[in-house]
């Protein structure tokens, strides 16, 4: 049974665009803004410092030519797009950012931060890349140094209680995001995966965490009510697909939308902009709140970690919980960490008896037809 998507979806679709006006208002009212790139950035510390975080990840090929004047062509499109928006001064979020917070994840981003540092103040978080004996101690020290940097940069003390309060609020946001994603566990799912992803993506440009919680909760309530009333946006026959791999904001149309246009149903996004970053919460009542924040973020299973045990454990869990009929890995061109790790993911899916395919793409539309054909063939095989 077909039906119109809830009206709330439209506001999330416009959130990134409307966010330009929101961030401008923040600055006009004397607020502070930090541009970020990765889910490893501890948002609670920024929140407690009164700094609004905003993602600077580029999701368009528009500015890649400008980036390639400084960066090699055979580089990750996310890095080139992000840098291109900064160097061409086409991104209001970069323009309004008081600081940019980077992290030592992939080598390409690390070197990009050096170039960004010539345009903006960049603070680099040094991330331990694996479950080594002193990893948590090292990362806790990094989070504490980040706190001290913000105190010095803005001339205000960041109290433990402010961080605890920020953690409680961010935990509520994580719960609201998880709840929306977990609606896809229903058979059939309560929404298209494409619409869910756009809502999650758009929520990042509200800047008011309480508002994000309210709007995501309202959307989930509406979807549940519509479903209970018998509305079925997705066919019961649609094969249930789990998406994993790189951040996919810049390739959403030719991957996720193509899967669903071919009759599939994307039920889960393991990617960092999906469930991966929300699955764990900060223990806001822990004796050492800095260590608690550090522990939560260090649990994120990313391909930059070695060995990447947490990602494999999470994938195993998600395949079961979301009853995936197949898994599609979407890797961005020249992303060495995820491309190499796709072999391990393939072996895991073979062990679980889940059909798997990996695709490598960039932000151009030139391969859209080829990808649609491959994805359609994969769904037919299922």
Protein backbone atom coordinates (compact mmCIF):
# COMPACT_ATOMS: atom_id res chain seq x y z
CA UNK A 1 0.00 0.00 0.00
CA UNK A 2 1.55 3.28 -1.12
CA UNK A 3 1.34 6.49 0.87
CA UNK A 4 2.88 9.91 1.12
CA UNK A 5 5.92 10.30 3.33
CA UNK A 6 5.27 12.19 6.58
CA UNK A 7 5.66 15.94 6.16
CA UNK A 8 8.50 15.91 8.70
CA UNK A 9 10.79 14.28 6.13
CA UNK A 10 10.75 17.45 4.03
CA UNK A 11 12.11 19.62 6.82
CA UNK A 12 15.05 17.28 7.30
CA UNK A 13 15.74 17.46 3.58
CA UNK A 14 15.99 21.24 3.80
CA UNK A 15 17.96 21.19 7.04
CA UNK A 16 21.42 21.49 5.47
CA UNK A 17 20.36 24.48 3.37
CA UNK A 18 18.48 26.14 6.23
CA UNK A 19 21.44 25.43 8.45
CA UNK A 20 23.32 28.22 6.67
CA UNK A 21 20.88 30.69 8.19
CA UNK A 22 21.01 28.99 11.58
CA UNK A 23 24.79 29.12 11.79
CA UNK A 24 24.77 32.75 10.65
CA UNK A 25 22.35 33.55 13.48
CA UNK A 26 24.58 31.73 15.98
CA UNK A 27 27.50 33.92 14.95
CA UNK A 28 25.44 37.12 14.98
CA UNK A 29 24.41 36.30 18.57
CA UNK A 30 28.03 35.91 19.64
CA UNK A 31 28.09 32.11 19.43
CA UNK A 32 31.00 29.86 18.53
CA UNK A 33 31.18 27.24 15.80
CA UNK A 34 33.57 24.33 15.25
CA UNK A 35 33.85 22.58 11.90
CA UNK A 36 34.31 18.81 12.28
CA UNK A 37 34.86 15.88 9.94
CA UNK A 38 34.58 12.68 11.93
CA UNK A 39 32.48 10.79 14.46
CA UNK A 40 35.57 10.44 16.65
CA UNK A 41 35.35 14.15 17.56
CA UNK A 42 33.98 14.27 21.16
CA UNK A 43 30.96 16.52 20.77
CA UNK A 44 30.32 16.65 24.52
CA UNK A 45 33.48 18.69 25.03
CA UNK A 46 32.45 21.17 22.35
CA UNK A 47 28.91 21.37 23.78
CA UNK A 48 30.22 22.01 27.28
CA UNK A 49 32.42 24.79 25.88
CA UNK A 50 29.40 26.44 24.26
CA UNK A 51 30.68 25.63 20.76
CA UNK A 52 28.28 24.36 18.09
CA UNK A 53 29.79 21.55 15.98
CA UNK A 54 28.96 21.31 12.27
CA UNK A 55 30.10 18.76 9.73
CA UNK A 56 32.36 20.08 6.98
CA UNK A 57 32.43 16.84 4.98
CA UNK A 58 31.99 17.67 1.31
CA UNK A 59 29.31 15.70 -0.53
CA UNK A 60 29.52 17.13 -4.04
CA UNK A 61 31.92 16.93 -6.99
CA UNK A 62 31.36 20.67 -7.62
CA UNK A 63 34.51 21.82 -5.80
CA UNK A 64 36.79 18.89 -6.60
CA UNK A 65 38.52 20.71 -9.51
CA UNK A 66 39.48 23.52 -7.10
CA UNK A 67 40.87 20.96 -4.65
CA UNK A 68 42.90 19.20 -7.33
CA UNK A 69 44.94 22.36 -7.79
CA UNK A 70 46.53 21.41 -4.44
CA UNK A 71 45.67 17.74 -3.93
CA UNK A 72 46.42 14.67 -6.06
CA UNK A 73 43.64 13.51 -8.39
CA UNK A 74 43.80 9.91 -7.14
CA UNK A 75 42.53 10.85 -3.69
CA UNK A 76 39.33 10.19 -1.74
CA UNK A 77 36.46 12.33 -3.14
CA UNK A 78 35.26 13.21 0.36
CA UNK A 79 38.65 14.77 1.16
CA UNK A 80 38.86 16.57 -2.17
CA UNK A 81 35.30 17.86 -1.96
CA UNK A 82 35.73 19.02 1.65
CA UNK A 83 38.99 20.81 0.91
CA UNK A 84 37.57 22.23 -2.31
CA UNK A 85 34.68 23.87 -0.48
CA UNK A 86 37.15 25.44 1.95
CA UNK A 87 39.72 26.66 -0.57
CA UNK A 88 37.05 28.04 -2.94
CA UNK A 89 35.22 29.72 -0.04
CA UNK A 90 31.93 28.10 -1.12
CA UNK A 91 31.02 26.58 2.24
CA UNK A 92 29.33 28.91 4.76
CA UNK A 93 30.02 26.39 7.53
CA UNK A 94 33.76 26.59 6.95
CA UNK A 95 33.52 30.37 6.70
CA UNK A 96 31.69 30.70 10.03
CA UNK A 97 33.83 28.16 11.91
CA UNK A 98 35.96 29.62 14.68
CA UNK A 99 38.07 26.47 14.66
CA UNK A 100 38.30 23.22 12.70
CA UNK A 101 38.72 20.00 14.65
CA UNK A 102 40.58 17.25 12.84
CA UNK A 103 41.62 13.76 13.86
CA UNK A 104 44.39 11.37 12.85
CA UNK A 105 42.25 8.77 11.12
CA UNK A 106 43.24 8.30 7.46
CA UNK A 107 46.50 9.65 6.04
CA UNK A 108 44.74 11.73 3.39
CA UNK A 109 42.75 13.70 5.95
CA UNK A 110 45.81 14.23 8.13
CA UNK A 111 47.67 15.90 5.27
CA UNK A 112 44.57 17.89 4.27
CA UNK A 113 44.42 19.32 7.78
CA UNK A 114 47.91 20.73 7.28
CA UNK A 115 46.64 22.67 4.27
CA UNK A 116 43.43 23.73 6.04
CA UNK A 117 45.60 25.06 8.85
CA UNK A 118 46.83 27.76 6.49
CA UNK A 119 43.25 29.06 6.21
CA UNK A 120 41.74 28.37 9.64
CA UNK A 121 42.77 27.43 13.16
CA UNK A 122 42.93 23.63 13.16
CA UNK A 123 43.13 21.49 16.28
CA UNK A 124 44.24 17.90 15.65
CA UNK A 125 43.14 15.03 17.89
CA UNK A 126 45.63 12.14 17.85
CA UNK A 127 43.56 8.96 17.77
CA UNK A 128 45.06 5.64 18.91
CA UNK A 129 44.32 3.20 16.10
CA UNK A 130 43.68 -0.09 17.84
CA UNK A 131 42.91 -1.84 21.14
CA UNK A 132 46.41 -1.60 22.54
CA UNK A 133 47.17 -1.74 26.24
CA UNK A 134 47.44 2.01 26.73
CA UNK A 135 44.99 3.12 24.01
CA UNK A 136 42.26 4.34 26.36
CA UNK A 137 44.76 6.11 28.60
CA UNK A 138 46.28 7.81 25.56
CA UNK A 139 42.89 8.85 24.15
CA UNK A 140 41.70 10.10 27.53
CA UNK A 141 44.75 12.34 27.61
CA UNK A 142 43.87 13.62 24.13
CA UNK A 143 40.32 14.45 25.20
CA UNK A 144 41.61 16.26 28.29
CA UNK A 145 44.09 18.25 26.18
CA UNK A 146 41.23 19.16 23.84
CA UNK A 147 39.29 20.45 26.83
CA UNK A 148 42.25 22.55 27.96
CA UNK A 149 42.74 23.92 24.45
CA UNK A 150 39.11 25.09 24.29
CA UNK A 151 39.40 26.67 27.74
CA UNK A 152 42.47 28.63 26.64
CA UNK A 153 41.07 29.44 23.19
CA UNK A 154 37.81 30.89 24.50
CA UNK A 155 38.88 31.97 27.99
CA UNK A 156 36.26 29.99 29.90
CA UNK A 157 36.46 27.02 32.24
CA UNK A 158 34.74 23.80 31.12
CA UNK A 159 33.44 22.09 34.26
CA UNK A 160 32.93 18.38 34.74
CA UNK A 161 29.25 19.01 35.38
CA UNK A 162 28.89 20.85 32.07
CA UNK A 163 30.40 17.83 30.31
CA UNK A 164 28.09 15.45 32.20
CA UNK A 165 25.06 17.51 31.22
CA UNK A 166 26.23 17.58 27.61
CA UNK A 167 26.72 13.81 27.71
CA UNK A 168 23.18 13.23 29.00
CA UNK A 169 21.75 15.35 26.20
CA UNK A 170 23.88 13.72 23.51
CA UNK A 171 22.84 10.30 24.84
CA UNK A 172 19.21 11.34 24.30
CA UNK A 173 20.05 12.33 20.75
CA UNK A 174 21.77 8.98 20.15
CA UNK A 175 18.70 7.20 21.50
CA UNK A 176 16.43 9.23 19.19
CA UNK A 177 18.61 8.42 16.19
CA UNK A 178 18.74 4.72 17.10
CA UNK A 179 14.99 4.57 17.54
CA UNK A 180 14.42 5.98 14.06
CA UNK A 181 16.87 3.50 12.54
CA UNK A 182 15.44 0.59 14.50
CA UNK A 183 12.02 1.12 12.89
CA UNK A 184 13.62 -0.62 9.92
CA UNK A 185 13.69 -3.87 11.90
CA UNK A 186 9.97 -4.23 11.17
CA UNK A 187 8.88 -6.61 8.41
CA UNK A 188 8.36 -4.89 6.08
CA UNK A 189 10.36 -1.79 7.10
CA UNK A 190 8.47 1.33 8.14
CA UNK A 191 10.23 3.62 5.64
CA UNK A 192 12.62 3.64 2.74
CA UNK A 193 16.22 3.58 3.85
CA UNK A 194 16.92 6.59 1.66
CA UNK A 195 14.40 8.73 3.57
CA UNK A 196 15.75 7.57 6.93
CA UNK A 197 19.30 8.46 5.93
CA UNK A 198 18.31 11.92 4.68
CA UNK A 199 16.55 12.60 7.98
CA UNK A 200 19.60 11.52 9.99
CA UNK A 201 21.90 13.59 7.80
CA UNK A 202 19.70 16.68 7.99
CA UNK A 203 19.45 16.46 11.77
CA UNK A 204 23.13 17.34 11.98
CA UNK A 205 22.40 20.87 10.80
CA UNK A 206 19.92 21.90 13.49
CA UNK A 207 22.60 22.91 16.05
CA UNK A 208 20.09 22.61 18.91
CA UNK A 209 20.37 19.09 20.33
CA UNK A 210 17.03 19.34 22.14
CA UNK A 211 15.34 20.32 18.89
CA UNK A 212 16.97 17.38 17.10
CA UNK A 213 15.63 15.01 19.76
CA UNK A 214 12.12 16.47 19.48
CA UNK A 215 12.01 16.33 15.68
CA UNK A 216 13.46 12.83 15.34
CA UNK A 217 11.07 11.58 18.02
CA UNK A 218 8.13 13.23 16.27
CA UNK A 219 9.12 11.62 12.97
CA UNK A 220 9.48 8.18 14.55
CA UNK A 221 6.11 8.57 16.29
CA UNK A 222 4.44 9.45 12.98
CA UNK A 223 6.02 6.52 11.14
CA UNK A 224 4.91 4.12 13.87
CA UNK A 225 1.37 5.54 13.83
CA UNK A 226 1.12 5.28 10.05
CA UNK A 227 2.44 1.73 10.17
CA UNK A 228 -0.04 0.75 12.88
CA UNK A 229 -2.80 2.20 10.67
CA UNK A 230 -1.81 -0.24 7.94
CA UNK A 231 0.35 1.91 5.71
CA UNK A 232 3.21 0.02 4.06
CA UNK A 233 5.74 2.16 2.21
CA UNK A 234 7.92 -0.85 1.41
CA UNK A 235 6.87 -4.13 -0.18
CA UNK A 236 7.01 -7.25 1.97
CA UNK A 237 8.83 -8.91 -0.94
CA UNK A 238 11.69 -6.39 -0.92
CA UNK A 239 15.06 -7.91 -0.07
CA UNK A 240 16.52 -6.44 3.11
CA UNK A 241 19.92 -4.81 2.53
CA UNK A 242 22.55 -3.75 5.07
CA UNK A 243 24.87 -0.95 3.94
CA UNK A 244 28.44 -0.77 5.22
CA UNK A 245 31.68 0.95 4.23
CA UNK A 246 32.66 4.62 3.85
CA UNK A 247 30.56 7.73 4.53
CA UNK A 248 28.00 7.76 1.70
CA UNK A 249 26.48 11.27 1.74
CA UNK A 250 28.02 12.14 -1.62
CA UNK A 251 26.93 8.93 -3.35
CA UNK A 252 23.52 8.35 -1.79
CA UNK A 253 21.54 8.86 -5.00
CA UNK A 254 23.41 6.35 -7.14
CA UNK A 255 23.74 3.69 -4.46
CA UNK A 256 21.00 3.61 -1.83
CA UNK A 257 18.37 5.15 -4.09
CA UNK A 258 19.36 2.75 -6.87
CA UNK A 259 19.00 -0.26 -4.55
CA UNK A 260 15.50 0.80 -3.56
CA UNK A 261 14.53 1.71 -7.12
CA UNK A 262 15.46 -1.86 -8.08
CA UNK A 263 13.13 -3.28 -5.44
CA UNK A 264 15.44 -3.62 -2.46
CA UNK A 265 14.90 -2.19 1.01
CA UNK A 266 17.84 -0.66 2.86
CA UNK A 267 17.18 -1.56 6.47
CA UNK A 268 20.45 -0.65 8.16
CA UNK A 269 23.38 1.74 7.72
CA UNK A 270 26.44 0.51 9.58
CA UNK A 271 28.41 3.49 8.24
CA UNK A 272 29.70 6.18 10.61
CA UNK A 273 26.79 8.47 9.71
CA UNK A 274 24.38 5.66 10.56
CA UNK A 275 24.17 3.38 13.56
CA UNK A 276 27.88 2.96 14.29
CA UNK A 277 28.26 6.24 16.18
CA UNK A 278 25.04 5.87 18.17
CA UNK A 279 25.30 2.30 19.38
CA UNK A 280 27.27 3.23 22.53
CA UNK A 281 26.62 6.03 25.02
CA UNK A 282 28.68 8.01 27.51
CA UNK A 283 28.39 6.98 31.15
CA UNK A 284 27.47 10.46 32.39
CA UNK A 285 27.72 9.35 36.04
CA UNK A 286 31.19 7.83 35.81
CA UNK A 287 33.69 9.15 38.40
CA UNK A 288 36.01 10.36 35.62
CA UNK A 289 33.81 11.99 32.97
CA UNK A 290 36.71 12.65 30.61
CA UNK A 291 37.64 8.96 30.64
CA UNK A 292 33.97 8.06 30.11
CA UNK A 293 33.75 10.33 27.04
CA UNK A 294 37.01 8.90 25.71
CA UNK A 295 35.84 5.32 26.22
CA UNK A 296 32.61 5.87 24.27
CA UNK A 297 34.35 7.32 21.22
CA UNK A 298 37.17 4.79 21.23
CA UNK A 299 34.54 2.04 20.84
CA UNK A 300 33.62 3.22 17.33
CA UNK A 301 34.54 0.46 14.91
CA UNK A 302 36.28 2.11 11.96
CA UNK A 303 38.53 0.67 9.27
CA UNK A 304 41.38 2.92 10.49
CA UNK A 305 41.59 0.67 13.55
CA UNK A 306 43.86 -2.36 13.44
CA UNK A 307 42.71 -4.96 14.03
CA UNK A 308 39.16 -3.69 13.44
CA UNK A 309 37.44 -6.18 15.72
CA UNK A 310 34.65 -3.83 16.83
CA UNK A 311 33.37 -3.26 13.30
CA UNK A 312 33.23 -6.98 12.60
CA UNK A 313 31.41 -7.65 15.88
CA UNK A 314 28.90 -4.90 15.10
CA UNK A 315 28.29 -6.18 11.57
CA UNK A 316 27.64 -9.68 12.91
CA UNK A 317 25.10 -8.23 15.35
CA UNK A 318 23.38 -5.99 12.79
CA UNK A 319 22.97 -8.75 10.22
CA UNK A 320 21.03 -10.72 12.83
CA UNK A 321 18.99 -7.87 14.33
CA UNK A 322 17.94 -6.39 10.98
CA UNK A 323 17.51 -9.80 9.28
CA UNK A 324 19.62 -8.76 6.31
CA UNK A 325 19.17 -10.72 3.10
CA UNK A 326 22.29 -9.13 1.65
CA UNK A 327 25.09 -6.70 2.41
CA UNK A 328 26.46 -3.98 0.14
CA UNK A 329 29.80 -2.36 0.92
CA UNK A 330 30.14 1.15 -0.53
CA UNK A 331 33.76 2.29 -0.59
CA UNK A 332 34.96 5.65 -1.86
CA UNK A 333 37.68 5.64 -4.48
CA UNK A 334 41.21 5.63 -3.03
CA UNK A 335 40.00 4.87 0.52
CA UNK A 336 42.68 2.31 1.27
CA UNK A 337 41.54 1.34 4.75
CA UNK A 338 37.99 0.36 3.79
CA UNK A 339 39.00 -1.12 0.43
CA UNK A 340 41.52 -3.46 2.07
CA UNK A 341 39.12 -4.33 4.89
CA UNK A 342 36.40 -5.30 2.40
CA UNK A 343 38.14 -8.69 2.12
CA UNK A 344 37.58 -9.30 5.83
CA UNK A 345 33.96 -8.16 5.58
CA UNK A 346 33.39 -10.49 2.62
CA UNK A 347 34.75 -13.43 4.62
CA UNK A 348 32.50 -12.52 7.56
CA UNK A 349 29.43 -12.43 5.33
CA UNK A 350 30.37 -15.80 3.82
CA UNK A 351 30.57 -17.19 7.35
CA UNK A 352 27.13 -15.74 8.12
CA UNK A 353 25.66 -16.98 4.85
CA UNK A 354 24.81 -13.44 3.70
CA UNK A 355 25.36 -12.53 0.01
CA UNK A 356 27.77 -9.61 -0.28
CA UNK A 357 28.97 -7.21 -2.92
CA UNK A 358 31.47 -4.36 -2.75
CA UNK A 359 31.42 -1.32 -4.99
CA UNK A 360 33.99 1.45 -5.30
CA UNK A 361 32.85 4.84 -6.54
CA UNK A 362 33.43 8.58 -6.39
CA UNK A 363 31.24 11.68 -6.45
CA UNK A 364 30.80 11.83 -10.23
CA UNK A 365 27.65 10.59 -11.98
CA UNK A 366 29.56 8.86 -14.77
CA UNK A 367 29.22 5.39 -13.24
CA UNK A 368 25.57 5.73 -12.17
CA UNK A 369 24.22 3.50 -14.93
CA UNK A 370 26.85 0.83 -14.34
CA UNK A 371 26.18 0.81 -10.59
CA UNK A 372 22.43 0.59 -11.11
CA UNK A 373 22.92 -2.45 -13.37
CA UNK A 374 25.23 -4.18 -10.88
CA UNK A 375 22.95 -3.49 -7.93
CA UNK A 376 19.90 -4.69 -9.85
CA UNK A 377 21.72 -7.92 -10.75
CA UNK A 378 22.70 -8.41 -7.09
CA UNK A 379 19.08 -8.02 -5.98
CA UNK A 380 17.89 -10.44 -8.65
CA UNK A 381 20.42 -12.98 -7.39
CA UNK A 382 18.92 -12.69 -3.91
